[in-house]
Amino acid sequence: MNDQSPNDQVIQILKSQGYTDDQIAKTIGEVATAGATQFYAEAMATFSDEDITAVEKCNTDAEADVMIKQLYRQKTGQDPEQKIQEFMMRFAKGFIEQYEKDKNPQNS
């Protein structure tokens, strides 16, 4: 399992526990949503009142999403998508560590 990415390992663990493909997709989707939520909260915390007003004036959610990501990149120099991927990687590593502890409680 160590040759696989942490995300692939999570999928393999879920499959080994009897999760269906639909359940796995739902779980991964919920983690991605949590990562995006964390990013947006962090992004909004870096914005000025003027930035927030500009985001609120967007006509669609898609326009607001683009603006939030652009403003975040300008203010922090960080890639928004990378921030979300980092969250997902932290989740996967934490999930695997907990799975290993639960599987081998004497090693905890």
Protein backbone atom coordinates (compact mmCIF):
# COMPACT_ATOMS: atom_id res chain seq x y z
CA MET A 1 0.00 0.00 0.00
CA ASN A 2 2.99 2.33 0.56
CA ASP A 3 3.59 2.82 -3.17
CA GLN A 4 0.17 4.44 -3.47
CA SER A 5 -0.63 8.07 -2.81
CA PRO A 6 -2.32 8.76 0.54
CA ASN A 7 -5.59 9.46 -1.28
CA ASP A 8 -5.38 6.10 -3.06
CA GLN A 9 -4.62 4.42 0.26
CA VAL A 10 -7.76 5.94 1.78
CA ILE A 11 -9.82 4.57 -1.10
CA GLN A 12 -8.28 1.11 -0.66
CA ILE A 13 -8.97 1.17 3.08
CA LEU A 14 -12.59 2.18 2.51
CA LYS A 15 -13.00 -0.58 -0.09
CA SER A 16 -11.50 -3.11 2.34
CA GLN A 17 -14.10 -2.01 4.90
CA GLY A 18 -16.91 -2.74 2.46
CA TYR A 19 -17.68 0.77 1.24
CA THR A 20 -19.34 0.89 -2.16
CA ASP A 21 -17.97 3.10 -4.94
CA ASP A 22 -20.88 5.49 -4.35
CA GLN A 23 -20.12 5.68 -0.62
CA ILE A 24 -16.44 6.29 -1.35
CA ALA A 25 -17.27 9.02 -3.86
CA LYS A 26 -19.59 10.65 -1.32
CA THR A 27 -16.92 10.51 1.40
CA ILE A 28 -14.22 11.96 -0.86
CA GLY A 29 -16.67 14.64 -2.00
CA GLU A 30 -17.38 15.61 1.60
CA VAL A 31 -13.66 15.90 2.30
CA ALA A 32 -13.19 18.05 -0.81
CA THR A 33 -16.08 20.26 0.32
CA ALA A 34 -14.51 20.62 3.75
CA GLY A 35 -11.20 21.59 2.13
CA ALA A 36 -12.87 24.18 -0.06
CA THR A 37 -14.81 25.55 2.92
CA GLN A 38 -11.60 25.89 4.90
CA PHE A 39 -9.94 27.66 1.96
CA TYR A 40 -12.81 30.13 1.52
CA ALA A 41 -12.85 30.93 5.24
CA GLU A 42 -9.09 31.54 5.18
CA ALA A 43 -9.35 33.59 2.00
CA MET A 44 -12.14 35.80 3.29
CA ALA A 45 -10.13 36.45 6.46
CA THR A 46 -7.35 37.97 4.31
CA PHE A 47 -9.67 40.28 2.38
CA SER A 48 -10.31 43.95 3.01
CA ASP A 49 -13.84 45.33 3.22
CA GLU A 50 -13.44 46.54 -0.37
CA ASP A 51 -12.46 43.05 -1.51
CA ILE A 52 -15.49 41.53 0.17
CA THR A 53 -17.76 44.14 -1.39
CA ALA A 54 -16.32 43.34 -4.82
CA VAL A 55 -16.94 39.62 -4.29
CA GLU A 56 -20.51 40.31 -3.15
CA LYS A 57 -21.16 42.33 -6.32
CA CYS A 58 -20.42 39.33 -8.57
CA ASN A 59 -23.45 38.23 -10.57
CA THR A 60 -22.91 34.49 -10.20
CA ASP A 61 -21.27 32.08 -7.81
CA ALA A 62 -18.82 31.14 -10.57
CA GLU A 63 -17.73 34.78 -10.96
CA ALA A 64 -17.36 35.11 -7.20
CA ASP A 65 -15.29 31.92 -7.09
CA VAL A 66 -12.90 33.24 -9.75
CA MET A 67 -12.59 36.59 -7.98
CA ILE A 68 -11.97 34.98 -4.57
CA LYS A 69 -9.21 32.82 -6.00
CA GLN A 70 -7.62 35.76 -7.84
CA LEU A 71 -7.72 38.02 -4.78
CA TYR A 72 -6.32 35.27 -2.57
CA ARG A 73 -3.46 34.64 -4.99
CA GLN A 74 -2.71 38.39 -5.17
CA LYS A 75 -2.77 38.86 -1.40
CA THR A 76 -0.91 35.72 -0.34
CA GLY A 77 1.08 34.60 -3.38
CA GLN A 78 -0.33 31.11 -2.79
CA ASP A 79 -2.21 28.87 -5.21
CA PRO A 80 -5.81 28.34 -4.02
CA GLU A 81 -6.05 24.87 -5.57
CA GLN A 82 -2.82 23.87 -3.84
CA LYS A 83 -4.29 24.95 -0.49
CA ILE A 84 -7.28 22.66 -1.04
CA GLN A 85 -5.01 19.78 -2.09
CA GLU A 86 -2.90 20.28 1.05
CA PHE A 87 -6.05 19.96 3.16
CA MET A 88 -7.00 16.75 1.37
CA MET A 89 -3.49 15.35 1.85
CA ARG A 90 -3.55 16.17 5.58
CA PHE A 91 -6.92 14.46 5.87
CA ALA A 92 -5.68 11.36 4.02
CA LYS A 93 -2.54 11.07 6.15
CA GLY A 94 -4.54 11.52 9.36
CA PHE A 95 -7.08 8.96 8.22
CA ILE A 96 -4.35 6.42 7.45
CA GLU A 97 -2.61 7.02 10.78
CA GLN A 98 -5.87 6.49 12.67
CA TYR A 99 -6.65 3.38 10.63
CA GLU A 100 -3.22 1.93 11.46
CA LYS A 101 -3.71 2.73 15.18
CA ASP A 102 -7.13 1.11 15.17
CA LYS A 103 -5.79 -1.91 13.29
CA ASN A 104 -2.82 -2.33 15.64
CA PRO A 105 -3.90 -0.95 19.03
CA GLN A 106 -0.86 -2.47 20.80
CA ASN A 107 1.44 -0.15 18.75
CA SER A 108 -0.38 3.03 19.88
